[in-house]
């Protein structure tokens, strides 16, 4: 199975929706810094955050 680049997928979806990292952070109960780290593959994302 191919590894999935969740960070790139998140960035594309966020940009397509016209949302900022701060918007996504607010909606997901995280911080903008955490969203940035996920998008740049500096941090793993928790399954609960994806839901």
Protein backbone atom coordinates (compact mmCIF):
# COMPACT_ATOMS: atom_id res chain seq x y z
CA UNK A 1 0.00 0.00 0.00
CA UNK A 2 1.26 3.48 -0.90
CA UNK A 3 1.87 5.90 1.98
CA UNK A 4 -0.58 8.78 2.07
CA UNK A 5 0.69 12.35 2.31
CA UNK A 6 -1.97 13.67 4.67
CA UNK A 7 -0.30 17.07 4.97
CA UNK A 8 -0.51 17.74 1.24
CA UNK A 9 -4.10 16.50 1.13
CA UNK A 10 -5.03 18.78 4.03
CA UNK A 11 -3.39 21.79 2.37
CA UNK A 12 -5.16 21.19 -0.97
CA UNK A 13 -8.54 20.74 0.75
CA UNK A 14 -8.00 23.82 2.93
CA UNK A 15 -6.99 26.00 -0.01
CA UNK A 16 -9.85 24.69 -2.18
CA UNK A 17 -12.27 25.63 0.60
CA UNK A 18 -10.73 29.10 0.87
CA UNK A 19 -9.73 28.57 4.49
CA UNK A 20 -6.65 29.77 6.31
CA UNK A 21 -4.64 27.57 8.64
CA UNK A 22 -6.16 29.57 11.51
CA UNK A 23 -9.67 28.78 10.24
CA UNK A 24 -8.92 25.04 10.12
CA UNK A 25 -7.31 25.18 13.56
CA UNK A 26 -10.36 26.87 15.05
CA UNK A 27 -12.76 24.37 13.46
CA UNK A 28 -10.67 21.38 14.57
CA UNK A 29 -9.85 22.57 18.09
CA UNK A 30 -6.10 22.78 17.47
CA UNK A 31 -3.60 25.56 16.84
CA UNK A 32 -2.50 27.18 13.59
CA UNK A 33 1.04 26.03 14.37
CA UNK A 34 -0.14 22.40 14.59
CA UNK A 35 -1.93 22.66 11.22
CA UNK A 36 1.23 24.15 9.71
CA UNK A 37 3.35 21.33 11.11
CA UNK A 38 0.98 18.72 9.68
CA UNK A 39 0.94 20.37 6.25
CA UNK A 40 4.75 20.50 6.25
CA UNK A 41 5.03 16.92 7.55
CA UNK A 42 6.78 17.99 10.73
CA UNK A 43 4.11 16.40 12.94
CA UNK A 44 1.84 13.38 12.80
CA UNK A 45 -1.89 13.96 12.86
CA UNK A 46 -4.14 12.26 15.38
CA UNK A 47 -7.09 10.28 14.05
CA UNK A 48 -9.48 12.26 16.27
CA UNK A 49 -8.33 15.50 14.60
CA UNK A 50 -9.08 14.09 11.15
CA UNK A 51 -12.63 13.27 12.19
